[in-house]
């Protein structure tokens, strides 16, 4: 009898470690959970808490005994890949809006006002950080975090724990996500970039008309005013473009994991 209890406890402990690994892949990478602004201790507690809530649904899951450490490593690796696919897919989506901010900062002459981003370990323009935080707020408001957690729960039905299976086509999925992210950056930055290019053209015509005017000093201030003014007008449109891209991106990620697309 004690041996049976020990075997049952070992099986459930194995199942819990696999559930925790899959959940940790999402919590440690998804922007709303895995940002470095959130202390590591909080992320660890969050991953453990979500795993405890999911564990009752996997209480009777039939997980084959790995037998060897190598097979156990294969189990852990496959679970981690599933979690990372979901988390990093959201990261790629947010990188598009950050790229739009970098383009705006570069063309608008705002690169001198950089902010150190602990999530990437690099300096990024304040405009990029502003667009990222605004998009993150919109993502939470439309229930993006619930959609991600819903997709995570569905992966346990589509890909049982301990199966050691890694969905095929993940690489192609990230290629498509990168293309969509780049398209998002172009569409979000296009209005402001067009306004700045038009301003540069006008200032060039003025410099030809009035050669005695110090166009370098005047143009820098004009570009900055146009950049901030246009940004105030189009930031809503940029975030709207981001919002419309959230559902297609999540749908693509869910298709790669063979789970139904979560609703808002």
Protein backbone atom coordinates (compact mmCIF):
# COMPACT_ATOMS: atom_id res chain seq x y z
CA UNK A 1 0.00 0.00 0.00
CA UNK A 2 2.72 2.55 0.84
CA UNK A 3 4.45 1.70 -2.46
CA UNK A 4 1.22 2.42 -4.36
CA UNK A 5 0.84 5.77 -2.58
CA UNK A 6 4.45 6.61 -3.37
CA UNK A 7 3.95 5.78 -7.05
CA UNK A 8 0.79 7.88 -7.22
CA UNK A 9 2.52 10.81 -5.54
CA UNK A 10 5.50 10.50 -7.88
CA UNK A 11 3.21 10.46 -10.92
CA UNK A 12 1.33 13.51 -9.77
CA UNK A 13 4.57 15.30 -8.94
CA UNK A 14 5.79 14.54 -12.45
CA UNK A 15 2.55 15.91 -13.90
CA UNK A 16 2.85 19.06 -11.80
CA UNK A 17 6.42 19.73 -12.95
CA UNK A 18 5.30 19.40 -16.58
CA UNK A 19 2.33 21.73 -16.03
CA UNK A 20 4.58 24.21 -14.24
CA UNK A 21 7.10 24.12 -17.09
CA UNK A 22 4.46 24.88 -19.73
CA UNK A 23 2.95 27.68 -17.65
CA UNK A 24 6.39 29.13 -16.88
CA UNK A 25 7.15 29.40 -20.59
CA UNK A 26 4.20 31.79 -20.95
CA UNK A 27 4.59 33.70 -17.69
CA UNK A 28 8.31 34.34 -18.16
CA UNK A 29 8.00 35.67 -21.72
CA UNK A 30 4.57 37.24 -22.35
CA UNK A 31 4.81 41.05 -21.92
CA UNK A 32 1.90 41.37 -19.48
CA UNK A 33 3.37 38.65 -17.22
CA UNK A 34 7.08 38.37 -17.97
CA UNK A 35 8.18 42.00 -18.09
CA UNK A 36 11.38 42.62 -16.17
CA UNK A 37 9.51 45.43 -14.41
CA UNK A 38 7.77 42.62 -12.54
CA UNK A 39 10.07 41.12 -9.87
CA UNK A 40 11.24 37.57 -10.51
CA UNK A 41 9.74 36.43 -7.21
CA UNK A 42 6.31 37.67 -8.27
CA UNK A 43 6.58 35.89 -11.64
CA UNK A 44 7.60 32.65 -9.95
CA UNK A 45 4.68 32.86 -7.52
CA UNK A 46 2.30 33.67 -10.40
CA UNK A 47 3.51 30.69 -12.44
CA UNK A 48 3.16 28.38 -9.42
CA UNK A 49 -0.32 29.73 -8.60
CA UNK A 50 -1.59 29.25 -12.17
CA UNK A 51 -0.11 25.74 -12.22
CA UNK A 52 -1.88 24.85 -8.97
CA UNK A 53 -5.18 26.06 -10.46
CA UNK A 54 -4.65 24.02 -13.63
CA UNK A 55 -3.45 20.88 -11.84
CA UNK A 56 -6.93 19.54 -10.86
CA UNK A 57 -7.79 19.21 -14.56
CA UNK A 58 -4.62 17.14 -15.03
CA UNK A 59 -4.95 15.13 -11.82
CA UNK A 60 -5.74 11.89 -13.65
CA UNK A 61 -3.57 12.56 -16.69
CA UNK A 62 -1.75 9.44 -17.82
CA UNK A 63 1.92 10.45 -17.96
CA UNK A 64 4.31 7.69 -18.93
CA UNK A 65 7.23 7.16 -16.60
CA UNK A 66 10.23 8.82 -18.32
CA UNK A 67 12.53 6.11 -17.02
CA UNK A 68 15.71 8.05 -17.74
CA UNK A 69 16.84 11.62 -17.18
CA UNK A 70 17.17 12.07 -20.93
CA UNK A 71 13.53 11.21 -21.52
CA UNK A 72 12.51 13.50 -18.67
CA UNK A 73 14.53 16.29 -20.31
CA UNK A 74 12.61 15.62 -23.53
CA UNK A 75 9.33 16.00 -21.63
CA UNK A 76 10.48 19.26 -20.06
CA UNK A 77 11.78 20.60 -23.37
CA UNK A 78 8.54 19.89 -25.24
CA UNK A 79 6.44 21.54 -22.52
CA UNK A 80 8.74 24.57 -22.50
CA UNK A 81 8.53 24.92 -26.28
CA UNK A 82 4.72 24.98 -26.12
CA UNK A 83 4.72 27.69 -23.46
CA UNK A 84 7.40 29.74 -25.20
CA UNK A 85 5.53 29.57 -28.50
CA UNK A 86 2.52 31.23 -26.92
CA UNK A 87 4.51 33.78 -24.93
CA UNK A 88 7.03 34.74 -27.60
CA UNK A 89 4.27 35.05 -30.18
CA UNK A 90 2.84 37.92 -28.11
CA UNK A 91 6.33 39.41 -27.76
CA UNK A 92 6.71 39.48 -31.56
CA UNK A 93 3.36 41.27 -31.82
CA UNK A 94 4.44 43.97 -29.36
CA UNK A 95 7.81 44.37 -31.08
CA UNK A 96 5.95 45.81 -34.09
CA UNK A 97 4.54 48.73 -32.13
CA UNK A 98 7.95 49.30 -30.53
CA UNK A 99 9.56 49.37 -33.98
CA UNK A 100 7.03 52.01 -35.01
CA UNK A 101 8.16 54.14 -32.07
CA UNK A 102 11.80 53.74 -33.05
CA UNK A 103 11.06 54.82 -36.61
CA UNK A 104 9.14 57.85 -35.35
CA UNK A 105 11.95 58.77 -32.97
CA UNK A 106 14.59 58.38 -35.68
CA UNK A 107 12.81 60.51 -38.28
CA UNK A 108 11.45 63.03 -35.77
CA UNK A 109 14.85 63.73 -34.22
CA UNK A 110 13.83 62.32 -30.85
CA UNK A 111 16.59 59.74 -30.54
CA UNK A 112 18.49 61.94 -28.07
CA UNK A 113 15.75 61.32 -25.50
CA UNK A 114 16.40 57.61 -25.02
CA UNK A 115 15.20 55.51 -22.13
CA UNK A 116 16.93 52.36 -20.91
CA UNK A 117 14.57 49.43 -21.43
CA UNK A 118 15.33 46.67 -18.89
CA UNK A 119 13.24 44.16 -20.84
CA UNK A 120 15.65 44.28 -23.80
CA UNK A 121 18.78 45.57 -22.08
CA UNK A 122 19.03 48.40 -24.61
CA UNK A 123 18.07 52.06 -24.88
CA UNK A 124 14.90 52.87 -26.77
CA UNK A 125 13.24 56.18 -27.68
CA UNK A 126 10.65 57.54 -25.30
CA UNK A 127 8.12 57.38 -28.13
CA UNK A 128 8.70 53.65 -28.46
CA UNK A 129 8.22 53.16 -24.73
CA UNK A 130 5.07 55.30 -24.80
CA UNK A 131 3.53 53.28 -27.62
CA UNK A 132 4.46 50.02 -25.88
CA UNK A 133 2.82 51.02 -22.59
CA UNK A 134 -0.27 52.34 -24.38
CA UNK A 135 -0.59 49.16 -26.42
CA UNK A 136 -0.11 47.04 -23.29
CA UNK A 137 -2.93 48.94 -21.57
CA UNK A 138 -5.18 48.39 -24.60
CA UNK A 139 -4.21 44.71 -24.71
CA UNK A 140 -5.32 44.31 -21.10
CA UNK A 141 -8.50 46.33 -21.65
CA UNK A 142 -9.65 44.12 -24.53
CA UNK A 143 -8.99 41.02 -22.43
CA UNK A 144 -5.81 39.91 -24.17
CA UNK A 145 -4.43 38.39 -20.98
CA UNK A 146 -7.58 36.28 -20.60
CA UNK A 147 -7.30 35.19 -24.23
CA UNK A 148 -3.71 34.09 -23.66
CA UNK A 149 -4.62 32.14 -20.53
CA UNK A 150 -7.58 30.57 -22.33
CA UNK A 151 -5.29 29.47 -25.16
CA UNK A 152 -2.87 28.08 -22.56
CA UNK A 153 -5.65 26.01 -20.99
CA UNK A 154 -6.70 24.70 -24.40
CA UNK A 155 -3.17 23.48 -25.12
CA UNK A 156 -3.53 20.90 -22.35
CA UNK A 157 -6.45 19.34 -24.24
CA UNK A 158 -4.81 19.57 -27.67
CA UNK A 159 -1.33 18.49 -26.55
CA UNK A 160 -1.48 16.35 -23.37
CA UNK A 161 1.34 16.72 -20.89
CA UNK A 162 4.08 14.14 -21.16
CA UNK A 163 3.40 13.45 -24.84
CA UNK A 164 6.82 14.81 -25.77
CA UNK A 165 5.28 16.26 -28.94
CA UNK A 166 6.32 19.57 -30.44
CA UNK A 167 3.86 21.08 -32.95
CA UNK A 168 5.19 21.20 -36.47
CA UNK A 169 5.33 24.48 -38.34
CA UNK A 170 6.27 26.67 -35.38
CA UNK A 171 9.14 28.18 -37.36
CA UNK A 172 6.84 29.14 -40.22
CA UNK A 173 4.38 30.61 -37.72
CA UNK A 174 7.03 32.94 -36.32
CA UNK A 175 8.04 33.98 -39.83
CA UNK A 176 4.45 35.01 -40.55
CA UNK A 177 4.19 36.72 -37.16
CA UNK A 178 7.37 38.70 -37.87
CA UNK A 179 5.94 39.80 -41.23
CA UNK A 180 2.69 40.86 -39.57
CA UNK A 181 4.64 42.71 -36.88
CA UNK A 182 6.65 44.60 -39.48
CA UNK A 183 3.44 45.48 -41.33
CA UNK A 184 1.97 46.74 -38.05
CA UNK A 185 5.03 48.96 -37.52
CA UNK A 186 4.74 50.46 -41.00
CA UNK A 187 1.00 51.17 -40.67
CA UNK A 188 1.35 52.65 -37.18
CA UNK A 189 4.24 54.95 -38.11
CA UNK A 190 3.08 55.90 -41.63
CA UNK A 191 0.95 59.01 -40.77
CA UNK A 192 3.62 60.61 -38.63
CA UNK A 193 6.44 59.72 -41.02
CA UNK A 194 4.46 61.25 -43.91
CA UNK A 195 3.90 64.45 -41.91
CA UNK A 196 7.59 64.71 -41.04
CA UNK A 197 8.69 64.11 -44.62
CA UNK A 198 6.27 66.80 -45.79
CA UNK A 199 7.69 69.16 -43.17
CA UNK A 200 11.23 68.44 -44.35
CA UNK A 201 10.18 69.17 -47.94
CA UNK A 202 8.60 72.48 -46.93
CA UNK A 203 11.66 73.49 -44.92
CA UNK A 204 13.84 72.66 -47.92
CA UNK A 205 11.77 74.95 -50.12
CA UNK A 206 12.01 77.71 -47.51
CA UNK A 207 15.78 77.34 -47.33
CA UNK A 208 15.99 77.77 -51.10
CA UNK A 209 13.81 80.86 -50.92
CA UNK A 210 15.56 82.41 -47.90
CA UNK A 211 19.22 81.30 -47.97
CA UNK A 212 20.09 83.62 -45.08
CA UNK A 213 17.76 81.68 -42.77
CA UNK A 214 19.53 79.18 -40.48
CA UNK A 215 17.36 76.27 -41.55
CA UNK A 216 19.21 73.80 -39.33
CA UNK A 217 18.21 75.58 -36.12
CA UNK A 218 14.70 76.37 -37.29
CA UNK A 219 14.07 72.97 -38.84
CA UNK A 220 15.00 71.04 -35.71
CA UNK A 221 12.43 72.89 -33.63
CA UNK A 222 9.76 72.68 -36.33
CA UNK A 223 10.32 68.93 -36.77
CA UNK A 224 9.98 68.39 -33.03
CA UNK A 225 6.74 70.39 -32.83
CA UNK A 226 5.29 68.58 -35.84
CA UNK A 227 6.34 65.21 -34.40
CA UNK A 228 4.65 65.81 -31.04
CA UNK A 229 1.59 67.41 -32.58
CA UNK A 230 1.07 64.63 -35.09
CA UNK A 231 1.77 61.98 -32.45
CA UNK A 232 -0.96 63.44 -30.26
CA UNK A 233 -3.38 63.13 -33.17
CA UNK A 234 -2.42 59.68 -34.50
CA UNK A 235 -1.51 57.74 -31.35
CA UNK A 236 -5.12 56.57 -31.15
CA UNK A 237 -4.96 55.33 -34.74
CA UNK A 238 -1.67 53.50 -34.04
CA UNK A 239 -3.17 51.72 -31.03
CA UNK A 240 -6.32 50.93 -33.05
CA UNK A 241 -4.14 49.27 -35.70
CA UNK A 242 -2.45 47.29 -32.92
CA UNK A 243 -5.81 46.21 -31.49
CA UNK A 244 -6.99 44.91 -34.86
CA UNK A 245 -3.80 42.85 -35.17
CA UNK A 246 -4.16 41.11 -31.80
CA UNK A 247 -6.86 38.61 -32.78
CA UNK A 248 -5.26 37.48 -36.09
CA UNK A 249 -1.92 36.99 -34.35
CA UNK A 250 -3.46 34.95 -31.54
CA UNK A 251 -5.40 32.93 -34.09
CA UNK A 252 -2.19 32.14 -35.96
CA UNK A 253 -0.44 31.07 -32.76
CA UNK A 254 -3.39 28.90 -31.74
CA UNK A 255 -3.45 27.25 -35.17
CA UNK A 256 0.21 26.34 -34.81
CA UNK A 257 -0.59 24.78 -31.40
CA UNK A 258 -3.76 23.14 -32.80
CA UNK A 259 -6.05 24.76 -30.24
CA UNK A 260 -9.31 26.68 -30.84
CA UNK A 261 -9.02 30.44 -31.07
CA UNK A 262 -10.04 32.04 -27.75
CA UNK A 263 -12.77 34.66 -27.79
CA UNK A 264 -12.48 37.99 -26.04
